[in-house]
Amino acid sequence: MKFDRDGAPFVALSALPAVAAAAAGHRRLALPLLALPAAIAAFFRDPDRAPERGAPGDPDVVLAPADGKVMHVGAPQVGVAPPGDWQQISIFLSLADVHINRTPYGGTVTDVSHRPGQYLAAFRAESAQENERSEIAVESEVSGELRTVVFRQIVGVAARRVVTRVGVGDVLGAGERIGLMRFGSRMDVFVPHGVRLEVQVGDRTVAGESVIARWPAPGDLPVPS
């Protein structure tokens, strides 16, 4: 199992009490104190992922950007979506979920922006407007059609920092790592109308593997607005 480099200082700091106890000869005390650094290390775990069958290299597929539970699907929540005509999928990450984030769609990064804000509980609708967040837009041309997917890393009560490791001009493959959020958070994905949504509220997603939306193939019936 791999671990993200951002976790190293947190693990080291949380291990100090156990190290101090062991150095003082209190081995029985040191062992339970190791539970905290072990839990923090688990939070920063970074497993490899493989998209679902049919997804690798498929330009019509939108993948989950995060592990978690789907909490919103459909028309955008009021005041949440970027300008334009979008559908919204929101995923809530608990402290137990993997917090490495991945791009839901392959293409060129055309915009990256960061907005400071509050630390409301990520499952509250207003967190998408009020909390600290990073917004990333990815564009790709498929058969002459320019497609855009916008997604956001949004911190929560426990998450206090968004880590975004991509910049404008970067070319990403679907499911590629783009950063992480520290300690509980939410991700929103915005896709255009006409894209078929493949998840429902309550579904569990796996970052870089679960298909959450799909562009219809030529000849498919349009998705109702």
Protein backbone atom coordinates (compact mmCIF):
# COMPACT_ATOMS: atom_id res chain seq x y z
CA MET A 1 0.00 0.00 0.00
CA LYS A 2 1.29 3.46 -0.95
CA PHE A 3 0.79 6.58 1.13
CA ASP A 4 0.63 10.20 0.01
CA ARG A 5 3.67 12.31 0.87
CA ASP A 6 1.50 14.96 2.55
CA GLY A 7 0.81 12.54 5.38
CA ALA A 8 4.43 12.18 6.53
CA PRO A 9 4.60 15.19 8.90
CA PHE A 10 1.20 14.35 10.45
CA VAL A 11 2.19 10.74 11.07
CA ALA A 12 5.57 11.76 12.50
CA LEU A 13 4.05 14.36 14.83
CA SER A 14 1.33 12.03 16.09
CA ALA A 15 3.91 9.30 16.76
CA LEU A 16 5.95 11.48 19.15
CA PRO A 17 4.01 10.50 22.32
CA ALA A 18 4.54 6.80 21.54
CA VAL A 19 8.23 7.37 20.88
CA ALA A 20 8.57 9.34 24.12
CA ALA A 21 6.79 6.62 26.10
CA ALA A 22 8.99 3.91 24.61
CA ALA A 23 12.14 5.94 25.29
CA ALA A 24 11.05 6.31 28.91
CA GLY A 25 10.64 2.56 29.20
CA HIS A 26 6.82 2.55 29.19
CA ARG A 27 6.32 0.05 26.39
CA ARG A 28 2.81 -0.93 27.47
CA LEU A 29 1.79 2.71 27.14
CA ALA A 30 3.62 3.18 23.85
CA LEU A 31 1.70 0.45 22.03
CA PRO A 32 -1.81 1.98 22.35
CA LEU A 33 -0.37 5.40 21.56
CA LEU A 34 0.62 4.02 18.14
CA ALA A 35 -3.08 3.80 17.22
CA LEU A 36 -3.23 7.49 16.34
CA PRO A 37 -0.32 7.59 13.85
CA ALA A 38 -1.61 4.32 12.36
CA ALA A 39 -5.05 5.88 11.82
CA ILE A 40 -3.53 9.00 10.27
CA ALA A 41 -1.36 6.91 7.97
CA ALA A 42 -4.50 5.03 6.87
CA PHE A 43 -6.18 8.35 6.01
CA PHE A 44 -3.34 9.16 3.60
CA ARG A 45 -3.37 5.75 1.89
CA ASP A 46 -3.09 5.96 -1.88
CA PRO A 47 -4.23 2.73 -3.55
CA ASP A 48 -3.83 2.16 -7.27
CA ARG A 49 -7.08 2.14 -9.19
CA ALA A 50 -8.30 0.63 -12.47
CA PRO A 51 -11.45 2.01 -14.15
CA GLU A 52 -14.46 -0.25 -14.64
CA ARG A 53 -14.55 -2.50 -17.67
CA GLY A 54 -15.19 -0.42 -20.79
CA ALA A 55 -13.98 2.80 -19.15
CA PRO A 56 -10.21 2.84 -19.87
CA GLY A 57 -9.62 5.15 -22.81
CA ASP A 58 -13.36 5.67 -23.33
CA PRO A 59 -13.84 9.41 -24.06
CA ASP A 60 -17.56 9.17 -23.26
CA VAL A 61 -17.09 8.14 -19.62
CA VAL A 62 -16.99 10.39 -16.54
CA LEU A 63 -15.39 8.69 -13.53
CA ALA A 64 -15.85 9.33 -9.83
CA PRO A 65 -13.22 11.81 -8.58
CA ALA A 66 -13.42 10.57 -5.01
CA ASP A 67 -14.30 7.63 -2.80
CA GLY A 68 -17.49 8.29 -0.88
CA LYS A 69 -21.28 8.42 -0.88
CA VAL A 70 -23.33 10.19 -3.54
CA MET A 71 -25.37 12.90 -1.83
CA HIS A 72 -26.77 14.83 -4.81
CA VAL A 73 -27.57 13.96 -8.43
CA GLY A 74 -29.38 16.05 -11.02
CA ALA A 75 -30.16 19.75 -11.30
CA PRO A 76 -27.57 21.93 -9.54
CA GLN A 77 -28.20 23.08 -6.00
CA VAL A 78 -29.17 26.74 -5.86
CA GLY A 79 -26.18 29.03 -6.34
CA VAL A 80 -23.67 26.17 -6.49
CA ALA A 81 -22.93 25.52 -10.18
CA PRO A 82 -20.50 27.61 -12.26
CA PRO A 83 -22.06 29.80 -14.98
CA GLY A 84 -23.69 27.70 -17.68
CA ASP A 85 -26.18 24.87 -18.05
CA TRP A 86 -25.02 22.00 -15.85
CA GLN A 87 -25.98 18.84 -14.04
CA GLN A 88 -24.42 18.22 -10.63
CA ILE A 89 -23.10 15.12 -8.87
CA SER A 90 -21.86 15.56 -5.29
CA ILE A 91 -19.87 12.98 -3.31
CA PHE A 92 -19.34 13.13 0.46
CA LEU A 93 -16.11 11.70 1.87
CA SER A 94 -16.07 10.42 5.44
CA LEU A 95 -12.90 10.24 7.51
CA ALA A 96 -12.70 6.53 6.69
CA ASP A 97 -12.63 7.08 2.91
CA VAL A 98 -9.53 7.35 0.75
CA HIS A 99 -8.95 11.08 0.26
CA ILE A 100 -6.81 11.03 -2.87
CA ASN A 101 -8.73 12.87 -5.59
CA ARG A 102 -8.69 12.01 -9.29
CA THR A 103 -9.81 13.83 -12.41
CA PRO A 104 -13.22 12.57 -13.50
CA TYR A 105 -12.50 13.24 -17.17
CA GLY A 106 -9.47 13.25 -19.41
CA GLY A 107 -8.36 16.37 -21.25
CA THR A 108 -6.53 19.65 -20.87
CA VAL A 109 -6.84 21.70 -17.70
CA THR A 110 -8.20 25.10 -18.77
CA ASP A 111 -8.79 26.67 -15.37
CA VAL A 112 -7.76 26.17 -11.74
CA SER A 113 -9.02 28.52 -9.05
CA HIS A 114 -8.93 28.53 -5.26
CA ARG A 115 -11.44 30.23 -2.98
CA PRO A 116 -10.86 30.60 0.78
CA GLY A 117 -13.90 30.18 3.00
CA GLN A 118 -15.50 28.52 5.98
CA TYR A 119 -15.41 24.94 7.28
CA LEU A 120 -19.07 23.95 7.41
CA ALA A 121 -20.01 20.27 7.46
CA ALA A 122 -19.47 19.03 3.91
CA PHE A 123 -22.87 17.28 3.74
CA ARG A 124 -24.67 20.64 4.13
CA ALA A 125 -25.74 22.21 0.82
CA GLU A 126 -24.35 25.61 1.76
CA SER A 127 -20.86 24.16 2.16
CA ALA A 128 -20.50 24.23 -1.64
CA GLN A 129 -20.89 28.02 -1.54
CA GLU A 130 -19.28 28.95 1.77
CA ASN A 131 -16.40 26.53 2.32
CA GLU A 132 -12.82 26.71 1.11
CA ARG A 133 -12.54 25.01 -2.28
CA SER A 134 -10.57 24.55 -5.47
CA GLU A 135 -12.32 24.44 -8.85
CA ILE A 136 -10.80 22.73 -11.90
CA ALA A 137 -12.08 22.73 -15.48
CA VAL A 138 -11.01 20.11 -18.03
CA GLU A 139 -11.71 20.30 -21.76
CA SER A 140 -11.43 17.63 -24.43
CA GLU A 141 -12.35 17.55 -28.12
CA VAL A 142 -14.11 14.34 -29.17
CA SER A 143 -15.17 13.89 -32.80
CA GLY A 144 -15.21 17.64 -33.30
CA GLU A 145 -17.23 18.28 -30.14
CA LEU A 146 -15.65 20.35 -27.36
CA ARG A 147 -16.53 18.83 -24.00
CA THR A 148 -16.03 20.44 -20.60
CA VAL A 149 -16.24 18.93 -17.13
CA VAL A 150 -15.85 21.11 -14.02
CA PHE A 151 -15.13 19.67 -10.59
CA ARG A 152 -14.45 21.02 -7.11
CA GLN A 153 -12.54 19.93 -4.04
CA ILE A 154 -14.46 21.28 -1.05
CA VAL A 155 -13.21 21.07 2.53
CA GLY A 156 -15.43 20.18 5.49
CA VAL A 157 -15.42 20.49 9.28
CA ALA A 158 -12.34 18.36 9.73
CA ALA A 159 -10.69 19.08 6.37
CA ARG A 160 -8.63 22.23 6.65
CA ARG A 161 -6.66 22.23 3.43
CA VAL A 162 -7.20 21.47 -0.22
CA VAL A 163 -4.14 20.13 -2.04
CA THR A 164 -4.36 20.61 -5.82
CA ARG A 165 -1.42 19.35 -7.86
CA VAL A 166 -2.46 20.32 -11.37
CA GLY A 167 -2.25 23.58 -13.29
CA VAL A 168 -3.59 25.21 -16.42
CA GLY A 169 -2.23 23.47 -19.51
CA ASP A 170 -1.71 20.08 -17.88
CA VAL A 171 -3.01 17.16 -19.93
CA LEU A 172 -4.72 14.54 -17.77
CA GLY A 173 -5.98 11.04 -18.33
CA ALA A 174 -9.33 10.08 -16.81
CA GLY A 175 -8.80 8.84 -13.26
CA GLU A 176 -5.37 10.44 -12.86
CA ARG A 177 -4.45 11.72 -9.39
CA ILE A 178 -4.91 15.49 -9.01
CA GLY A 179 -4.48 16.03 -5.25
CA LEU A 180 -6.25 15.41 -1.96
CA MET A 181 -8.27 16.99 0.82
CA ARG A 182 -7.21 16.64 4.41
CA PHE A 183 -9.63 15.01 6.83
CA GLY A 184 -13.24 14.74 5.58
CA SER A 185 -14.71 16.68 2.69
CA ARG A 186 -16.81 16.76 -0.50
CA MET A 187 -16.38 16.81 -4.26
CA ASP A 188 -18.80 18.26 -6.80
CA VAL A 189 -18.76 17.37 -10.50
CA PHE A 190 -20.59 19.40 -13.14
CA VAL A 191 -21.39 17.91 -16.54
CA PRO A 192 -23.45 19.43 -19.38
CA HIS A 193 -27.10 18.59 -19.99
CA GLY A 194 -27.37 15.69 -22.39
CA VAL A 195 -24.80 13.67 -20.47
CA ARG A 196 -26.43 10.60 -18.92
CA LEU A 197 -26.06 10.38 -15.14
CA GLU A 198 -25.14 6.85 -14.02
CA VAL A 199 -25.44 7.13 -10.21
CA GLN A 200 -28.16 7.76 -7.66
CA VAL A 201 -28.23 9.35 -4.23
CA GLY A 202 -26.88 6.85 -1.71
CA ASP A 203 -24.56 5.04 -4.13
CA ARG A 204 -20.97 4.42 -3.07
CA THR A 205 -18.23 5.48 -5.47
CA VAL A 206 -14.60 4.51 -5.92
CA ALA A 207 -12.31 7.23 -7.28
CA GLY A 208 -10.94 6.48 -10.72
CA GLU A 209 -13.11 3.37 -11.10
CA SER A 210 -16.84 4.07 -10.72
CA VAL A 211 -18.61 5.50 -13.77
CA ILE A 212 -20.82 8.39 -12.65
CA ALA A 213 -21.88 9.81 -16.04
CA ARG A 214 -21.59 9.05 -19.73
CA TRP A 215 -21.90 11.00 -22.95
CA PRO A 216 -24.57 9.29 -25.10
CA ALA A 217 -23.47 7.49 -28.23
CA PRO A 218 -24.66 8.85 -31.59
CA GLY A 219 -28.26 7.82 -32.11
CA ASP A 220 -29.07 7.48 -28.40
CA LEU A 221 -32.20 9.21 -27.21
CA PRO A 222 -31.50 12.59 -25.57
CA VAL A 223 -31.59 12.77 -21.82
CA PRO A 224 -34.69 14.70 -20.61
CA SER A 225 -33.96 18.05 -18.98
